[in-house]
């Protein structure tokens, strides 16, 4: 089984910058004007998952809840610290997670659409 998380956005460039320049995902592919949609696939090569973000002339009407999260498991605290440092240089700071588990076991940032992204260690 492969996994794709897909979400529509109103600012594809900001989303791409956040997930590639701060979080460290790679751009695996993209498309333009496919049935009036532009999009990008982000993740890592040779993995069974990726994230797709799209934009079109229809506005995304999301209302992110504080429990709507993408959770990324990293292999070391050093990798998490690298992401924190990149984020802080761009004036993006961690937020307090609503779920107490993530306060104790991870660090959360909000992406440009207001959705939480939790970084935690592989268990």
C-alpha atoms as a PDB file:
ATOM      1  CA  UNK A   1       0.000   0.000   0.000  1.00  0.00           C
ATOM      2  CA  UNK A   2       1.154   3.521  -0.734  1.00  0.00           C
ATOM      3  CA  UNK A   3      -0.096   6.645   0.992  1.00  0.00           C
ATOM      4  CA  UNK A   4      -0.794  10.129  -0.360  1.00  0.00           C
ATOM      5  CA  UNK A   5      -2.130  12.979   1.723  1.00  0.00           C
ATOM      6  CA  UNK A   6      -3.702  15.613  -0.535  1.00  0.00           C
ATOM      7  CA  UNK A   7      -4.767  19.109   0.460  1.00  0.00           C
ATOM      8  CA  UNK A   8      -5.892  22.182  -1.443  1.00  0.00           C
ATOM      9  CA  UNK A   9      -4.270  25.530  -0.602  1.00  0.00           C
ATOM     10  CA  UNK A  10      -4.623  29.179  -1.539  1.00  0.00           C
ATOM     11  CA  UNK A  11      -0.861  29.793  -1.624  1.00  0.00           C
ATOM     12  CA  UNK A  12       1.033  26.928  -3.209  1.00  0.00           C
ATOM     13  CA  UNK A  13       4.384  28.755  -3.230  1.00  0.00           C
ATOM     14  CA  UNK A  14       4.298  29.416   0.529  1.00  0.00           C
ATOM     15  CA  UNK A  15       3.408  25.783   1.184  1.00  0.00           C
ATOM     16  CA  UNK A  16       6.242  24.558  -1.059  1.00  0.00           C
ATOM     17  CA  UNK A  17       8.735  26.872   0.671  1.00  0.00           C
ATOM     18  CA  UNK A  18       7.635  25.793   4.152  1.00  0.00           C
ATOM     19  CA  UNK A  19       7.758  22.066   3.523  1.00  0.00           C
ATOM     20  CA  UNK A  20      10.985  22.099   1.484  1.00  0.00           C
ATOM     21  CA  UNK A  21      13.081  24.915   2.978  1.00  0.00           C
ATOM     22  CA  UNK A  22      12.064  24.451   6.606  1.00  0.00           C
ATOM     23  CA  UNK A  23      10.779  20.901   7.072  1.00  0.00           C
ATOM     24  CA  UNK A  24      13.223  19.452   4.528  1.00  0.00           C
ATOM     25  CA  UNK A  25      10.916  17.490   2.238  1.00  0.00           C
ATOM     26  CA  UNK A  26      11.924  17.156  -1.406  1.00  0.00           C
ATOM     27  CA  UNK A  27       9.905  18.125  -4.449  1.00  0.00           C
ATOM     28  CA  UNK A  28       9.158  14.806  -6.131  1.00  0.00           C
ATOM     29  CA  UNK A  29       7.040  16.162  -8.968  1.00  0.00           C
ATOM     30  CA  UNK A  30       4.606  18.848 -10.003  1.00  0.00           C
ATOM     31  CA  UNK A  31       1.922  19.655 -12.526  1.00  0.00           C
ATOM     32  CA  UNK A  32       0.405  22.792 -14.014  1.00  0.00           C
ATOM     33  CA  UNK A  33      -3.038  23.455 -15.407  1.00  0.00           C
ATOM     34  CA  UNK A  34      -4.265  19.885 -15.049  1.00  0.00           C
ATOM     35  CA  UNK A  35      -8.032  20.408 -15.229  1.00  0.00           C
ATOM     36  CA  UNK A  36      -7.430  23.925 -13.836  1.00  0.00           C
ATOM     37  CA  UNK A  37      -5.261  22.645 -10.975  1.00  0.00           C
ATOM     38  CA  UNK A  38      -1.596  23.242 -10.215  1.00  0.00           C
ATOM     39  CA  UNK A  39       0.090  20.945  -7.760  1.00  0.00           C
ATOM     40  CA  UNK A  40       3.199  19.552  -6.202  1.00  0.00           C
ATOM     41  CA  UNK A  41       4.243  16.234  -4.650  1.00  0.00           C
ATOM     42  CA  UNK A  42       6.529  16.472  -1.614  1.00  0.00           C
ATOM     43  CA  UNK A  43       8.277  13.731   0.339  1.00  0.00           C
ATOM     44  CA  UNK A  44      11.399  11.632  -0.067  1.00  0.00           C
ATOM     45  CA  UNK A  45      12.423   9.423  -2.996  1.00  0.00           C
ATOM     46  CA  UNK A  46      11.731   5.695  -2.713  1.00  0.00           C
ATOM     47  CA  UNK A  47       9.279   6.029   0.178  1.00  0.00           C
ATOM     48  CA  UNK A  48       5.729   4.700   0.136  1.00  0.00           C
ATOM     49  CA  UNK A  49       4.180   8.066   0.951  1.00  0.00           C
ATOM     50  CA  UNK A  50       4.070  11.672  -0.203  1.00  0.00           C
ATOM     51  CA  UNK A  51       2.077  14.832   0.318  1.00  0.00           C
ATOM     52  CA  UNK A  52       0.246  16.515  -2.553  1.00  0.00           C
ATOM     53  CA  UNK A  53      -0.728  20.170  -2.387  1.00  0.00           C
ATOM     54  CA  UNK A  54      -2.924  21.726  -5.054  1.00  0.00           C
ATOM     55  CA  UNK A  55      -4.266  25.147  -5.941  1.00  0.00           C
ATOM     56  CA  UNK A  56      -6.893  26.250  -8.433  1.00  0.00           C
ATOM     57  CA  UNK A  57      -9.148  29.191  -9.086  1.00  0.00           C
ATOM     58  CA  UNK A  58     -11.461  27.815  -6.383  1.00  0.00           C
ATOM     59  CA  UNK A  59     -10.608  29.050  -2.904  1.00  0.00           C
ATOM     60  CA  UNK A  60      -9.676  26.527  -0.233  1.00  0.00           C
ATOM     61  CA  UNK A  61     -12.156  26.933   2.608  1.00  0.00           C
ATOM     62  CA  UNK A  62     -10.282  25.128   5.366  1.00  0.00           C
ATOM     63  CA  UNK A  63     -10.748  25.796   9.029  1.00  0.00           C
ATOM     64  CA  UNK A  64      -7.805  23.964  10.614  1.00  0.00           C
ATOM     65  CA  UNK A  65      -8.504  22.454  14.010  1.00  0.00           C
ATOM     66  CA  UNK A  66      -5.642  22.296  16.505  1.00  0.00           C
ATOM     67  CA  UNK A  67      -5.803  18.499  16.293  1.00  0.00           C
ATOM     68  CA  UNK A  68      -5.392  18.457  12.463  1.00  0.00           C
ATOM     69  CA  UNK A  69      -1.754  17.433  12.298  1.00  0.00           C
ATOM     70  CA  UNK A  70       0.859  15.982  10.024  1.00  0.00           C
ATOM     71  CA  UNK A  71       3.254  14.043  12.267  1.00  0.00           C
ATOM     72  CA  UNK A  72       6.754  13.419  10.962  1.00  0.00           C
ATOM     73  CA  UNK A  73       9.022  10.926  12.723  1.00  0.00           C
ATOM     74  CA  UNK A  74      12.685  11.850  12.509  1.00  0.00           C
ATOM     75  CA  UNK A  75      15.672   9.647  13.282  1.00  0.00           C
ATOM     76  CA  UNK A  76      17.478  11.995  15.675  1.00  0.00           C
ATOM     77  CA  UNK A  77      17.080  15.015  17.909  1.00  0.00           C
ATOM     78  CA  UNK A  78      19.778  16.679  15.777  1.00  0.00           C
ATOM     79  CA  UNK A  79      17.461  16.517  12.727  1.00  0.00           C
ATOM     80  CA  UNK A  80      14.676  18.126  14.752  1.00  0.00           C
ATOM     81  CA  UNK A  81      17.080  20.824  15.977  1.00  0.00           C
ATOM     82  CA  UNK A  82      18.141  21.540  12.368  1.00  0.00           C
ATOM     83  CA  UNK A  83      14.499  22.129  11.404  1.00  0.00           C
ATOM     84  CA  UNK A  84      13.939  24.325  14.467  1.00  0.00           C
ATOM     85  CA  UNK A  85      16.975  26.419  13.525  1.00  0.00           C
ATOM     86  CA  UNK A  86      15.820  26.860   9.898  1.00  0.00           C
ATOM     87  CA  UNK A  87      12.347  27.847  11.099  1.00  0.00           C
ATOM     88  CA  UNK A  88      13.633  30.354  13.649  1.00  0.00           C
ATOM     89  CA  UNK A  89      15.802  32.044  11.012  1.00  0.00           C
ATOM     90  CA  UNK A  90      12.591  32.684   9.072  1.00  0.00           C
ATOM     91  CA  UNK A  91      10.775  33.887  12.218  1.00  0.00           C
ATOM     92  CA  UNK A  92       8.654  30.743  12.491  1.00  0.00           C
ATOM     93  CA  UNK A  93       8.438  29.515  16.054  1.00  0.00           C
ATOM     94  CA  UNK A  94       7.033  26.404  17.717  1.00  0.00           C
ATOM     95  CA  UNK A  95       3.511  26.506  19.103  1.00  0.00           C
ATOM     96  CA  UNK A  96       2.045  24.673  22.080  1.00  0.00           C
ATOM     97  CA  UNK A  97       0.263  21.537  20.914  1.00  0.00           C
ATOM     98  CA  UNK A  98      -3.329  21.068  22.001  1.00  0.00           C
ATOM     99  CA  UNK A  99      -2.688  17.370  22.674  1.00  0.00           C
ATOM    100  CA  UNK A 100      -0.471  17.074  25.773  1.00  0.00           C
ATOM    101  CA  UNK A 101       1.228  14.002  24.270  1.00  0.00           C
ATOM    102  CA  UNK A 102       2.869  16.141  21.575  1.00  0.00           C
ATOM    103  CA  UNK A 103       3.944  18.728  24.150  1.00  0.00           C
ATOM    104  CA  UNK A 104       5.943  15.994  25.870  1.00  0.00           C
ATOM    105  CA  UNK A 105       7.050  14.038  22.802  1.00  0.00           C
ATOM    106  CA  UNK A 106       7.481  16.479  19.962  1.00  0.00           C
ATOM    107  CA  UNK A 107       7.558  20.010  18.683  1.00  0.00           C
ATOM    108  CA  UNK A 108       4.806  21.629  16.613  1.00  0.00           C
ATOM    109  CA  UNK A 109       4.891  24.326  13.960  1.00  0.00           C
ATOM    110  CA  UNK A 110       1.984  25.747  11.979  1.00  0.00           C
ATOM    111  CA  UNK A 111       2.259  25.617   8.192  1.00  0.00           C
ATOM    112  CA  UNK A 112       1.172  28.626   6.069  1.00  0.00           C
ATOM    113  CA  UNK A 113      -2.405  27.291   5.969  1.00  0.00           C
ATOM    114  CA  UNK A 114      -2.552  27.051   9.764  1.00  0.00           C
ATOM    115  CA  UNK A 115      -2.252  23.267  10.005  1.00  0.00           C
ATOM    116  CA  UNK A 116      -0.005  21.731  12.625  1.00  0.00           C
ATOM    117  CA  UNK A 117       3.154  19.851  11.745  1.00  0.00           C
ATOM    118  CA  UNK A 118       4.615  17.831  14.602  1.00  0.00           C
ATOM    119  CA  UNK A 119       8.203  16.650  14.602  1.00  0.00           C
ATOM    120  CA  UNK A 120       9.012  13.744  16.874  1.00  0.00           C
ATOM    121  CA  UNK A 121      11.518  10.930  17.189  1.00  0.00           C
ATOM    122  CA  UNK A 122      11.090   7.478  15.663  1.00  0.00           C
ATOM    123  CA  UNK A 123      10.117   4.974  18.321  1.00  0.00           C
END
